PDB file of N, CA and C in Angstrom:
ATOM      1  N   MET A   1     -34.402   4.959 -25.722  1.00  0.00           N
ATOM      2  CA  MET A   1     -34.203   6.382 -25.917  1.00  0.00           C
ATOM      3  C   MET A   1     -32.716   6.735 -25.872  1.00  0.00           C
ATOM      4  N   ASN A   2     -31.977   6.100 -24.976  1.00  0.00           N
ATOM      5  CA  ASN A   2     -30.560   6.400 -24.835  1.00  0.00           C
ATOM      6  C   ASN A   2     -29.783   6.009 -26.091  1.00  0.00           C
ATOM      7  N   LYS A   3     -30.130   4.868 -26.697  1.00  0.00           N
ATOM      8  CA  LYS A   3     -29.447   4.423 -27.913  1.00  0.00           C
ATOM      9  C   LYS A   3     -29.738   5.360 -29.084  1.00  0.00           C
ATOM     10  N   ILE A   4     -30.955   5.880 -29.158  1.00  0.00           N
ATOM     11  CA  ILE A   4     -31.317   6.823 -30.219  1.00  0.00           C
ATOM     12  C   ILE A   4     -30.520   8.117 -30.063  1.00  0.00           C
ATOM     13  N   MET A   5     -30.395   8.611 -28.849  1.00  0.00           N
ATOM     14  CA  MET A   5     -29.628   9.834 -28.610  1.00  0.00           C
ATOM     15  C   MET A   5     -28.144   9.632 -28.926  1.00  0.00           C
ATOM     16  N   LYS A   6     -27.629   8.457 -28.614  1.00  0.00           N
ATOM     17  CA  LYS A   6     -26.237   8.155 -28.929  1.00  0.00           C
ATOM     18  C   LYS A   6     -26.028   8.147 -30.441  1.00  0.00           C
ATOM     19  N   THR A   7     -26.945   7.554 -31.179  1.00  0.00           N
ATOM     20  CA  THR A   7     -26.859   7.523 -32.639  1.00  0.00           C
ATOM     21  C   THR A   7     -26.943   8.923 -33.219  1.00  0.00           C
ATOM     22  N   LEU A   8     -27.857   9.732 -32.725  1.00  0.00           N
ATOM     23  CA  LEU A   8     -27.987  11.106 -33.205  1.00  0.00           C
ATOM     24  C   LEU A   8     -26.740  11.936 -32.892  1.00  0.00           C
ATOM     25  N   THR A   9     -26.134  11.708 -31.742  1.00  0.00           N
ATOM     26  CA  THR A   9     -24.916  12.419 -31.374  1.00  0.00           C
ATOM     27  C   THR A   9     -23.768  12.069 -32.310  1.00  0.00           C
ATOM     28  N   VAL A  10     -23.618  10.785 -32.613  1.00  0.00           N
ATOM     29  CA  VAL A  10     -22.559  10.352 -33.528  1.00  0.00           C
ATOM     30  C   VAL A  10     -22.785  10.939 -34.914  1.00  0.00           C
ATOM     31  N   MET A  11     -24.008  10.865 -35.417  1.00  0.00           N
ATOM     32  CA  MET A  11     -24.314  11.391 -36.750  1.00  0.00           C
ATOM     33  C   MET A  11     -24.056  12.899 -36.807  1.00  0.00           C
ATOM     34  N   THR A  12     -24.462  13.612 -35.772  1.00  0.00           N
ATOM     35  CA  THR A  12     -24.272  15.060 -35.743  1.00  0.00           C
ATOM     36  C   THR A  12     -22.798  15.422 -35.689  1.00  0.00           C
ATOM     37  N   SER A  13     -22.037  14.732 -34.856  1.00  0.00           N
ATOM     38  CA  SER A  13     -20.617  15.061 -34.732  1.00  0.00           C
ATOM     39  C   SER A  13     -19.841  14.738 -36.002  1.00  0.00           C
ATOM     40  N   ILE A  14     -20.330  13.823 -36.814  1.00  0.00           N
ATOM     41  CA  ILE A  14     -19.666  13.505 -38.077  1.00  0.00           C
ATOM     42  C   ILE A  14     -20.031  14.521 -39.151  1.00  0.00           C
ATOM     43  N   PHE A  15     -21.290  14.920 -39.226  1.00  0.00           N
ATOM     44  CA  PHE A  15     -21.745  15.735 -40.346  1.00  0.00           C
ATOM     45  C   PHE A  15     -21.692  17.245 -40.121  1.00  0.00           C
ATOM     46  N   ILE A  16     -21.580  17.735 -38.903  1.00  0.00           N
ATOM     47  CA  ILE A  16     -21.556  19.182 -38.663  1.00  0.00           C
ATOM     48  C   ILE A  16     -20.297  19.863 -39.212  1.00  0.00           C
ATOM     49  N   PRO A  17     -19.095  19.307 -39.078  1.00  0.00           N
ATOM     50  CA  PRO A  17     -17.921  20.013 -39.616  1.00  0.00           C
ATOM     51  C   PRO A  17     -17.920  20.146 -41.137  1.00  0.00           C
ATOM     52  N   LEU A  18     -18.565  19.241 -41.849  1.00  0.00           N
ATOM     53  CA  LEU A  18     -18.531  19.264 -43.311  1.00  0.00           C
ATOM     54  C   LEU A  18     -19.202  20.498 -43.898  1.00  0.00           C
ATOM     55  N   PRO A  19     -20.435  20.850 -43.510  1.00  0.00           N
ATOM     56  CA  PRO A  19     -21.013  22.077 -44.059  1.00  0.00           C
ATOM     57  C   PRO A  19     -20.295  23.339 -43.592  1.00  0.00           C
ATOM     58  N   PHE A  20     -19.678  23.287 -42.422  1.00  0.00           N
ATOM     59  CA  PHE A  20     -18.930  24.452 -41.951  1.00  0.00           C
ATOM     60  C   PHE A  20     -17.757  24.748 -42.879  1.00  0.00           C
ATOM     61  N   ILE A  21     -16.995  23.722 -43.225  1.00  0.00           N
ATOM     62  CA  ILE A  21     -15.857  23.914 -44.129  1.00  0.00           C
ATOM     63  C   ILE A  21     -16.342  24.329 -45.508  1.00  0.00           C
ATOM     64  N   ALA A  22     -17.393  23.684 -45.998  1.00  0.00           N
ATOM     65  CA  ALA A  22     -17.910  24.006 -47.331  1.00  0.00           C
ATOM     66  C   ALA A  22     -18.516  25.406 -47.377  1.00  0.00           C
ATOM     67  N   SER A  23     -19.115  25.862 -46.290  1.00  0.00           N
ATOM     68  CA  SER A  23     -19.746  27.185 -46.297  1.00  0.00           C
ATOM     69  C   SER A  23     -18.719  28.309 -46.371  1.00  0.00           C
ATOM     70  N   ILE A  24     -17.523  28.074 -45.871  1.00  0.00           N
ATOM     71  CA  ILE A  24     -16.473  29.085 -45.982  1.00  0.00           C
ATOM     72  C   ILE A  24     -16.161  29.353 -47.447  1.00  0.00           C
ATOM     73  N   TYR A  25     -16.121  28.304 -48.248  1.00  0.00           N
ATOM     74  CA  TYR A  25     -15.813  28.469 -49.665  1.00  0.00           C
ATOM     75  C   TYR A  25     -17.041  28.857 -50.476  1.00  0.00           C
ATOM     76  N   GLY A  26     -18.203  28.872 -49.890  1.00  0.00           N
ATOM     77  CA  GLY A  26     -19.404  29.315 -50.577  1.00  0.00           C
ATOM     78  C   GLY A  26     -19.661  30.801 -50.426  1.00  0.00           C
ATOM     79  N   MET A  27     -18.895  31.454 -49.559  1.00  0.00           N
ATOM     80  CA  MET A  27     -19.067  32.889 -49.353  1.00  0.00           C
ATOM     81  C   MET A  27     -18.403  33.673 -50.479  1.00  0.00           C
ATOM     82  N   ASN A  28     -18.879  34.865 -50.707  1.00  0.00           N
ATOM     83  CA  ASN A  28     -18.373  35.695 -51.785  1.00  0.00           C
ATOM     84  C   ASN A  28     -17.278  36.619 -51.254  1.00  0.00           C
ATOM     85  N   PHE A  29     -16.056  36.101 -51.166  1.00  0.00           N
ATOM     86  CA  PHE A  29     -14.927  36.889 -50.701  1.00  0.00           C
ATOM     87  C   PHE A  29     -14.303  37.638 -51.864  1.00  0.00           C
ATOM     88  N   GLU A  30     -13.825  38.835 -51.587  1.00  0.00           N
ATOM     89  CA  GLU A  30     -13.134  39.593 -52.621  1.00  0.00           C
ATOM     90  C   GLU A  30     -11.698  39.098 -52.785  1.00  0.00           C
ATOM     91  N   TYR A  31     -11.062  38.747 -51.685  1.00  0.00           N
ATOM     92  CA  TYR A  31      -9.689  38.266 -51.749  1.00  0.00           C
ATOM     93  C   TYR A  31      -9.599  36.936 -51.016  1.00  0.00           C
ATOM     94  N   MET A  32      -9.443  35.892 -51.756  1.00  0.00           N
ATOM     95  CA  MET A  32      -9.257  34.564 -51.186  1.00  0.00           C
ATOM     96  C   MET A  32      -8.285  33.819 -52.098  1.00  0.00           C
ATOM     97  N   PRO A  33      -7.006  33.793 -51.756  1.00  0.00           N
ATOM     98  CA  PRO A  33      -6.004  33.254 -52.678  1.00  0.00           C
ATOM     99  C   PRO A  33      -6.216  31.785 -53.033  1.00  0.00           C
ATOM    100  N   GLU A  34      -6.870  31.031 -52.176  1.00  0.00           N
ATOM    101  CA  GLU A  34      -7.074  29.614 -52.462  1.00  0.00           C
ATOM    102  C   GLU A  34      -7.947  29.385 -53.689  1.00  0.00           C
ATOM    103  N   LEU A  35      -8.766  30.378 -54.044  1.00  0.00           N
ATOM    104  CA  LEU A  35      -9.659  30.209 -55.187  1.00  0.00           C
ATOM    105  C   LEU A  35      -8.907  30.155 -56.509  1.00  0.00           C
ATOM    106  N   THR A  36      -7.714  30.712 -56.561  1.00  0.00           N
ATOM    107  CA  THR A  36      -6.939  30.697 -57.802  1.00  0.00           C
ATOM    108  C   THR A  36      -5.929  29.559 -57.852  1.00  0.00           C
ATOM    109  N   TRP A  37      -5.777  28.813 -56.782  1.00  0.00           N
ATOM    110  CA  TRP A  37      -4.840  27.699 -56.778  1.00  0.00           C
ATOM    111  C   TRP A  37      -5.395  26.556 -57.607  1.00  0.00           C
ATOM    112  N   ARG A  38      -4.518  25.876 -58.301  1.00  0.00           N
ATOM    113  CA  ARG A  38      -4.949  24.800 -59.189  1.00  0.00           C
ATOM    114  C   ARG A  38      -5.544  23.618 -58.428  1.00  0.00           C
ATOM    115  N   TRP A  39      -4.962  23.271 -57.308  1.00  0.00           N
ATOM    116  CA  TRP A  39      -5.392  22.087 -56.563  1.00  0.00           C
ATOM    117  C   TRP A  39      -6.186  22.435 -55.302  1.00  0.00           C
ATOM    118  N   ALA A  40      -6.706  23.631 -55.217  1.00  0.00           N
ATOM    119  CA  ALA A  40      -7.430  24.050 -54.011  1.00  0.00           C
ATOM    120  C   ALA A  40      -8.694  23.225 -53.788  1.00  0.00           C
ATOM    121  N   TYR A  41      -9.415  22.922 -54.861  1.00  0.00           N
ATOM    122  CA  TYR A  41     -10.654  22.144 -54.729  1.00  0.00           C
ATOM    123  C   TYR A  41     -10.369  20.779 -54.112  1.00  0.00           C
ATOM    124  N   PHE A  42      -9.332  20.117 -54.627  1.00  0.00           N
ATOM    125  CA  PHE A  42      -8.990  18.797 -54.101  1.00  0.00           C
ATOM    126  C   PHE A  42      -8.387  18.897 -52.703  1.00  0.00           C
ATOM    127  N   GLY A  43      -7.729  20.000 -52.427  1.00  0.00           N
ATOM    128  CA  GLY A  43      -7.210  20.216 -51.084  1.00  0.00           C
ATOM    129  C   GLY A  43      -8.318  20.350 -50.054  1.00  0.00           C
ATOM    130  N   VAL A  44      -9.354  21.102 -50.406  1.00  0.00           N
ATOM    131  CA  VAL A  44     -10.494  21.260 -49.496  1.00  0.00           C
ATOM    132  C   VAL A  44     -11.218  19.928 -49.326  1.00  0.00           C
ATOM    133  N   LEU A  45     -11.378  19.191 -50.413  1.00  0.00           N
ATOM    134  CA  LEU A  45     -11.986  17.862 -50.299  1.00  0.00           C
ATOM    135  C   LEU A  45     -11.141  16.948 -49.414  1.00  0.00           C
ATOM    136  N   GLY A  46      -9.826  17.063 -49.526  1.00  0.00           N
ATOM    137  CA  GLY A  46      -8.939  16.280 -48.677  1.00  0.00           C
ATOM    138  C   GLY A  46      -9.063  16.657 -47.208  1.00  0.00           C
ATOM    139  N   ILE A  47      -9.196  17.956 -46.944  1.00  0.00           N
ATOM    140  CA  ILE A  47      -9.385  18.407 -45.563  1.00  0.00           C
ATOM    141  C   ILE A  47     -10.702  17.884 -45.007  1.00  0.00           C
ATOM    142  N   ILE A  48     -11.755  17.960 -45.805  1.00  0.00           N
ATOM    143  CA  ILE A  48     -13.055  17.448 -45.366  1.00  0.00           C
ATOM    144  C   ILE A  48     -12.962  15.950 -45.092  1.00  0.00           C
ATOM    145  N   PHE A  49     -12.319  15.214 -45.983  1.00  0.00           N
ATOM    146  CA  PHE A  49     -12.159  13.772 -45.796  1.00  0.00           C
ATOM    147  C   PHE A  49     -11.335  13.468 -44.549  1.00  0.00           C
ATOM    148  N   ALA A  50     -10.259  14.236 -44.327  1.00  0.00           N
ATOM    149  CA  ALA A  50      -9.408  14.013 -43.160  1.00  0.00           C
ATOM    150  C   ALA A  50     -10.150  14.302 -41.858  1.00  0.00           C
ATOM    151  N   VAL A  51     -10.921  15.386 -41.834  1.00  0.00           N
ATOM    152  CA  VAL A  51     -11.693  15.721 -40.630  1.00  0.00           C
ATOM    153  C   VAL A  51     -12.724  14.640 -40.351  1.00  0.00           C
ATOM    154  N   ASP A  52     -13.426  14.217 -41.383  1.00  0.00           N
ATOM    155  CA  ASP A  52     -14.454  13.190 -41.215  1.00  0.00           C
ATOM    156  C   ASP A  52     -13.834  11.857 -40.793  1.00  0.00           C
ATOM    157  N   SER A  53     -12.722  11.488 -41.405  1.00  0.00           N
ATOM    158  CA  SER A  53     -12.046  10.246 -41.031  1.00  0.00           C
ATOM    159  C   SER A  53     -11.529  10.316 -39.599  1.00  0.00           C
ATOM    160  N   GLY A  54     -10.971  11.462 -39.236  1.00  0.00           N
ATOM    161  CA  GLY A  54     -10.501  11.630 -37.870  1.00  0.00           C
ATOM    162  C   GLY A  54     -11.618  11.516 -36.846  1.00  0.00           C
ATOM    163  N   MET A  55     -12.765  12.091 -37.182  1.00  0.00           N
ATOM    164  CA  MET A  55     -13.918  11.981 -36.278  1.00  0.00           C
ATOM    165  C   MET A  55     -14.369  10.521 -36.150  1.00  0.00           C
ATOM    166  N   LEU A  56     -14.448   9.821 -37.278  1.00  0.00           N
ATOM    167  CA  LEU A  56     -14.869   8.420 -37.242  1.00  0.00           C
ATOM    168  C   LEU A  56     -13.890   7.562 -36.447  1.00  0.00           C
ATOM    169  N   ILE A  57     -12.604   7.755 -36.673  1.00  0.00           N
ATOM    170  CA  ILE A  57     -11.598   6.976 -35.947  1.00  0.00           C
ATOM    171  C   ILE A  57     -11.640   7.307 -34.459  1.00  0.00           C
ATOM    172  N   GLY A  58     -11.743   8.591 -34.131  1.00  0.00           N
ATOM    173  CA  GLY A  58     -11.815   8.985 -32.724  1.00  0.00           C
ATOM    174  C   GLY A  58     -13.035   8.419 -32.014  1.00  0.00           C
ATOM    175  N   LEU A  59     -14.172   8.461 -32.670  1.00  0.00           N
ATOM    176  CA  LEU A  59     -15.381   7.904 -32.062  1.00  0.00           C
ATOM    177  C   LEU A  59     -15.295   6.386 -31.940  1.00  0.00           C
ATOM    178  N   TYR A  60     -14.664   5.742 -32.917  1.00  0.00           N
ATOM    179  CA  TYR A  60     -14.509   4.288 -32.859  1.00  0.00           C
ATOM    180  C   TYR A  60     -13.578   3.887 -31.720  1.00  0.00           C
ATOM    181  N   VAL A  61     -12.474   4.613 -31.566  1.00  0.00           N
ATOM    182  CA  VAL A  61     -11.509   4.308 -30.504  1.00  0.00           C
ATOM    183  C   VAL A  61     -12.139   4.511 -29.129  1.00  0.00           C
ATOM    184  N   GLN A  62     -12.984   5.515 -28.996  1.00  0.00           N
ATOM    185  CA  GLN A  62     -13.630   5.784 -27.711  1.00  0.00           C
ATOM    186  C   GLN A  62     -14.797   4.846 -27.427  1.00  0.00           C
ATOM    187  N   GLY A  63     -15.153   3.997 -28.384  1.00  0.00           N
ATOM    188  CA  GLY A  63     -16.190   2.996 -28.152  1.00  0.00           C
ATOM    189  C   GLY A  63     -17.605   3.458 -28.422  1.00  0.00           C
ATOM    190  N   TRP A  64     -17.787   4.486 -29.239  1.00  0.00           N
ATOM    191  CA  TRP A  64     -19.127   4.990 -29.517  1.00  0.00           C
ATOM    192  C   TRP A  64     -19.899   4.109 -30.482  1.00  0.00           C
ATOM    193  N   PHE A  65     -19.239   3.182 -31.167  1.00  0.00           N
ATOM    194  CA  PHE A  65     -19.926   2.331 -32.129  1.00  0.00           C
ATOM    195  C   PHE A  65     -20.248   0.953 -31.566  1.00  0.00           C
ATOM    196  N   ASN A  66     -20.074   0.761 -30.283  1.00  0.00           N
ATOM    197  CA  ASN A  66     -20.384  -0.539 -29.665  1.00  0.00           C
ATOM    198  C   ASN A  66     -21.842  -0.655 -29.332  1.00  0.00           C
TER     199      ASN A  66
END
């Protein structure tokens, strides 16, 4: 049971920030300057990738994957 909870915790901590960031850009804002930027889409993807990579590296360093 403990190993299952550890796995669920790792999976949740990796995947929860991704929909949060994506949901901000899914809202219907009247003024959001990033929507008109040429590279905003790739910038948001880069932020999502960086957050996810940071979470994976942090969890690996702390020994959660042992």
